[in-house]
Amino acid sequence: MTPANKKRRAPDMQAKTIPLQDRSRQTYESILAAAAALLEEVGVERLSTNLICKRAHLTPPALYRYFPNKYALLRELGSRLMQAQDDAVFAWIDSGGLDTSTPEEAFRSNLAIQTRVTDITRAQPGALWILRALRAVPTLRAVRVESRGRVADRLLAALSLRYPNAAEAELRRTVRLNLELAIAVTELVLEEPDQEPDEISADFSRLIVGYYARFSDA
């Protein structure tokens, strides 16, 4: 088989070692912090392990002990960001975020969780580049898909109790579209902070409340 006919091998996406000792853990976290900061400055394409080593004051072997390449680093950063977002939504559900009795209460509750997720994302250095990588890089998409799947399952379980007469397939489709729009809105308000981000989040929350209203009518 000629080289041209060989399939390109996908890069290793997993961290090699999850450190347990404090010193190793500090090195691990410094690598991730350097990668996130550099994403803000140079973006995904120009990010390299050499740049990360220089920023973290490490030798390449020290970095490669934990991460085989930049994609493994991006995966870890993406997983952490997705988990932080997911945990916020789970806490919102568990605290009664869906237990509203009027459209205005539902609007305020939805706006609160949308704002919370946006704030969590904004606080993560390099967040926009991480989100773009999770959407655009085929080997990283699973992180995003798995996250949305976890949240969709939790939301569907809660909403099935709230709307017992709703068809499950329709409710599931609504939940998935809700989640995709929510992350798109988060990206939009972070990418264009001068375009009235609070109003965009509020408009989206009103739209979502109206979107689910048909299940109440049923």
Protein backbone atom coordinates (compact mmCIF):
# COMPACT_ATOMS: atom_id res chain seq x y z
CA MET A 1 0.00 0.00 0.00
CA THR A 2 1.41 3.39 -0.97
CA PRO A 3 1.52 6.24 1.55
CA ALA A 4 -1.18 8.06 -0.44
CA ASN A 5 -3.56 5.16 0.13
CA LYS A 6 -2.94 4.85 3.83
CA LYS A 7 -5.57 6.27 6.12
CA ARG A 8 -4.36 9.14 8.24
CA ARG A 9 -4.18 8.04 11.84
CA ALA A 10 -6.31 10.07 14.21
CA PRO A 11 -4.30 11.83 16.92
CA ASP A 12 -4.33 10.39 20.42
CA MET A 13 -6.95 12.41 22.30
CA GLN A 14 -6.46 11.17 25.85
CA ALA A 15 -4.23 12.52 28.58
CA LYS A 16 -1.47 10.00 29.26
CA THR A 17 -1.37 10.40 33.03
CA ILE A 18 -3.76 11.88 35.57
CA PRO A 19 -1.46 13.07 38.37
CA LEU A 20 -2.20 12.33 42.00
CA GLN A 21 0.70 13.99 43.83
CA ASP A 22 0.46 17.73 44.53
CA ARG A 23 3.57 18.70 42.58
CA SER A 24 2.55 16.69 39.53
CA ARG A 25 -0.94 18.09 39.79
CA GLN A 26 0.43 21.62 39.80
CA THR A 27 2.42 20.88 36.65
CA TYR A 28 -0.67 19.38 35.00
CA GLU A 29 -2.75 22.44 35.85
CA SER A 30 -0.02 24.85 34.72
CA ILE A 31 0.02 23.16 31.31
CA LEU A 32 -3.73 23.57 30.96
CA ALA A 33 -3.60 27.18 32.16
CA ALA A 34 -0.86 28.01 29.66
CA ALA A 35 -2.80 26.37 26.83
CA ALA A 36 -5.99 28.26 27.69
CA ALA A 37 -4.18 31.60 27.90
CA LEU A 38 -2.45 31.00 24.57
CA LEU A 39 -5.76 30.17 22.91
CA GLU A 40 -6.88 33.71 23.72
CA GLU A 41 -3.78 35.05 22.00
CA VAL A 42 -3.13 32.82 18.99
CA GLY A 43 -6.19 30.62 18.43
CA VAL A 44 -6.39 26.90 17.75
CA GLU A 45 -4.41 26.68 14.52
CA ARG A 46 -1.33 28.48 15.82
CA LEU A 47 -1.41 26.81 19.22
CA SER A 48 1.48 24.36 19.60
CA THR A 49 3.04 22.28 22.32
CA ASN A 50 6.26 24.28 21.93
CA LEU A 51 4.41 27.51 22.70
CA ILE A 52 2.71 25.89 25.65
CA CYS A 53 6.02 24.62 27.04
CA LYS A 54 7.55 28.06 26.73
CA ARG A 55 4.61 29.72 28.48
CA ALA A 56 4.50 27.11 31.27
CA HIS A 57 8.31 27.09 31.67
CA LEU A 58 8.47 23.36 31.00
CA THR A 59 10.51 21.11 28.76
CA PRO A 60 8.66 19.17 26.02
CA PRO A 61 9.23 15.83 27.80
CA ALA A 62 7.53 17.25 30.90
CA LEU A 63 4.47 18.18 28.84
CA TYR A 64 4.41 14.93 26.88
CA ARG A 65 4.38 13.01 30.13
CA TYR A 66 0.78 14.16 30.48
CA PHE A 67 -0.45 15.13 27.01
CA PRO A 68 0.62 13.57 23.69
CA ASN A 69 -0.40 16.61 21.60
CA LYS A 70 -2.40 19.82 21.63
CA TYR A 71 -5.61 18.01 20.79
CA ALA A 72 -5.46 16.04 24.03
CA LEU A 73 -5.07 19.38 25.81
CA LEU A 74 -8.05 20.82 23.96
CA ARG A 75 -10.08 17.77 24.86
CA GLU A 76 -9.34 18.21 28.55
CA LEU A 77 -10.14 21.93 28.43
CA GLY A 78 -13.33 21.21 26.51
CA SER A 79 -14.41 18.47 28.90
CA ARG A 80 -13.92 20.76 31.88
CA LEU A 81 -15.88 23.58 30.29
CA MET A 82 -18.72 21.28 29.25
CA GLN A 83 -18.84 19.71 32.73
CA ALA A 84 -19.01 23.13 34.40
CA GLN A 85 -21.88 24.14 32.12
CA ASP A 86 -23.65 20.82 32.66
CA ASP A 87 -23.30 21.00 36.44
CA ALA A 88 -24.91 24.45 36.43
CA VAL A 89 -27.89 23.14 34.46
CA PHE A 90 -28.21 20.09 36.73
CA ALA A 91 -28.16 22.32 39.82
CA TRP A 92 -30.81 24.54 38.23
CA ILE A 93 -33.06 21.54 37.55
CA ASP A 94 -32.54 20.12 41.04
CA SER A 95 -33.32 23.48 42.67
CA GLY A 96 -36.68 23.72 40.89
CA GLY A 97 -35.73 25.77 37.86
CA LEU A 98 -38.48 24.12 35.85
CA ASP A 99 -41.11 24.42 38.59
CA THR A 100 -42.69 27.68 37.49
CA SER A 101 -46.37 28.56 37.43
CA THR A 102 -46.53 31.58 35.10
CA PRO A 103 -44.84 32.54 31.82
CA GLU A 104 -43.06 35.40 33.58
CA GLU A 105 -41.63 33.04 36.21
CA ALA A 106 -40.55 30.65 33.47
CA PHE A 107 -38.89 33.50 31.60
CA ARG A 108 -36.94 34.67 34.65
CA SER A 109 -35.87 31.13 35.49
CA ASN A 110 -34.70 30.41 31.94
CA LEU A 111 -32.89 33.73 31.78
CA ALA A 112 -31.13 32.94 35.06
CA ILE A 113 -29.70 29.64 33.81
CA GLN A 114 -28.78 31.07 30.42
CA THR A 115 -26.93 33.91 32.13
CA ARG A 116 -25.26 31.49 34.55
CA VAL A 117 -23.95 29.27 31.75
CA THR A 118 -22.74 32.31 29.82
CA ASP A 119 -20.92 33.64 32.90
CA ILE A 120 -19.25 30.25 33.46
CA THR A 121 -18.12 30.21 29.85
CA ARG A 122 -16.91 33.80 29.94
CA ALA A 123 -14.78 33.04 33.00
CA GLN A 124 -12.88 30.27 31.18
CA PRO A 125 -9.81 31.63 29.38
CA GLY A 126 -9.89 30.69 25.71
CA ALA A 127 -13.54 29.61 25.97
CA LEU A 128 -14.59 30.76 22.50
CA TRP A 129 -11.70 28.93 20.87
CA ILE A 130 -12.47 25.84 22.93
CA LEU A 131 -16.11 25.92 21.80
CA ARG A 132 -15.08 26.42 18.19
CA ALA A 133 -12.68 23.50 18.38
CA LEU A 134 -15.35 21.24 19.89
CA ARG A 135 -17.65 22.14 17.03
CA ALA A 136 -15.18 22.09 14.14
CA VAL A 137 -12.52 19.48 14.91
CA PRO A 138 -13.96 16.00 14.15
CA THR A 139 -11.91 14.26 16.82
CA LEU A 140 -13.16 16.69 19.49
CA ARG A 141 -16.86 16.72 18.61
CA ALA A 142 -17.60 13.75 20.85
CA VAL A 143 -16.94 15.93 23.92
CA ARG A 144 -19.68 18.34 22.90
CA VAL A 145 -22.07 15.58 21.79
CA GLU A 146 -21.67 13.65 25.04
CA SER A 147 -22.25 16.79 27.09
CA ARG A 148 -25.41 17.74 25.24
CA GLY A 149 -26.62 14.15 25.54
CA ARG A 150 -26.20 14.18 29.33
CA VAL A 151 -28.11 17.42 29.71
CA ALA A 152 -30.80 16.36 27.25
CA ASP A 153 -31.45 13.18 29.22
CA ARG A 154 -31.81 15.08 32.50
CA LEU A 155 -34.04 17.73 30.99
CA LEU A 156 -36.19 15.17 29.21
CA ALA A 157 -36.71 13.21 32.42
CA ALA A 158 -37.80 16.35 34.28
CA LEU A 159 -39.98 17.70 31.47
CA SER A 160 -41.68 14.36 30.94
CA LEU A 161 -43.05 14.70 34.47
CA ARG A 162 -44.08 18.29 33.86
CA TYR A 163 -45.75 17.50 30.53
CA PRO A 164 -47.02 13.91 30.90
CA ASN A 165 -49.24 14.15 27.80
CA ALA A 166 -46.44 15.27 25.49
CA ALA A 167 -45.19 12.84 22.87
CA GLU A 168 -41.71 11.74 23.95
CA ALA A 169 -40.19 12.06 20.46
CA GLU A 170 -41.48 15.63 20.10
CA LEU A 171 -40.34 16.60 23.57
CA ARG A 172 -36.89 15.11 23.01
CA ARG A 173 -36.55 16.97 19.72
CA THR A 174 -37.56 20.20 21.44
CA VAL A 175 -35.04 19.67 24.23
CA ARG A 176 -32.18 19.01 21.81
CA LEU A 177 -33.01 22.09 19.75
CA ASN A 178 -33.28 24.12 22.95
CA LEU A 179 -29.76 23.07 23.96
CA GLU A 180 -28.22 23.73 20.56
CA LEU A 181 -29.76 27.20 20.48
CA ALA A 182 -28.65 27.89 24.05
CA ILE A 183 -24.98 27.24 23.30
CA ALA A 184 -25.26 29.23 20.07
CA VAL A 185 -26.61 32.18 22.05
CA THR A 186 -23.79 31.86 24.57
CA GLU A 187 -21.23 31.96 21.74
CA LEU A 188 -22.99 34.91 20.14
CA VAL A 189 -23.01 37.10 23.24
CA LEU A 190 -19.34 36.30 23.92
CA GLU A 191 -18.26 36.90 20.33
CA GLU A 192 -20.14 40.19 20.03
CA PRO A 193 -20.22 41.81 23.49
CA ASP A 194 -21.18 45.16 21.97
CA GLN A 195 -24.43 43.78 20.53
CA GLU A 196 -26.62 44.03 23.66
CA PRO A 197 -25.80 40.62 25.16
CA ASP A 198 -28.32 40.93 28.00
CA GLU A 199 -31.12 41.66 25.55
CA ILE A 200 -30.08 38.74 23.32
CA SER A 201 -30.21 36.35 26.28
CA ALA A 202 -33.58 37.76 27.33
CA ASP A 203 -35.02 37.43 23.82
CA PHE A 204 -33.82 33.83 23.66
CA SER A 205 -35.36 33.02 27.04
CA ARG A 206 -38.73 34.42 25.98
CA LEU A 207 -38.52 32.39 22.78
CA ILE A 208 -37.83 29.19 24.73
CA VAL A 209 -40.74 29.81 27.11
CA GLY A 210 -43.06 30.23 24.13
CA TYR A 211 -41.59 27.16 22.47
CA TYR A 212 -42.50 24.94 25.43
CA ALA A 213 -45.91 26.57 25.95
CA ARG A 214 -47.53 24.26 23.42
CA PHE A 215 -46.93 21.32 25.75
CA SER A 216 -48.83 23.12 28.51
CA ASP A 217 -51.69 23.77 26.10
CA ALA A 218 -51.77 20.08 25.22
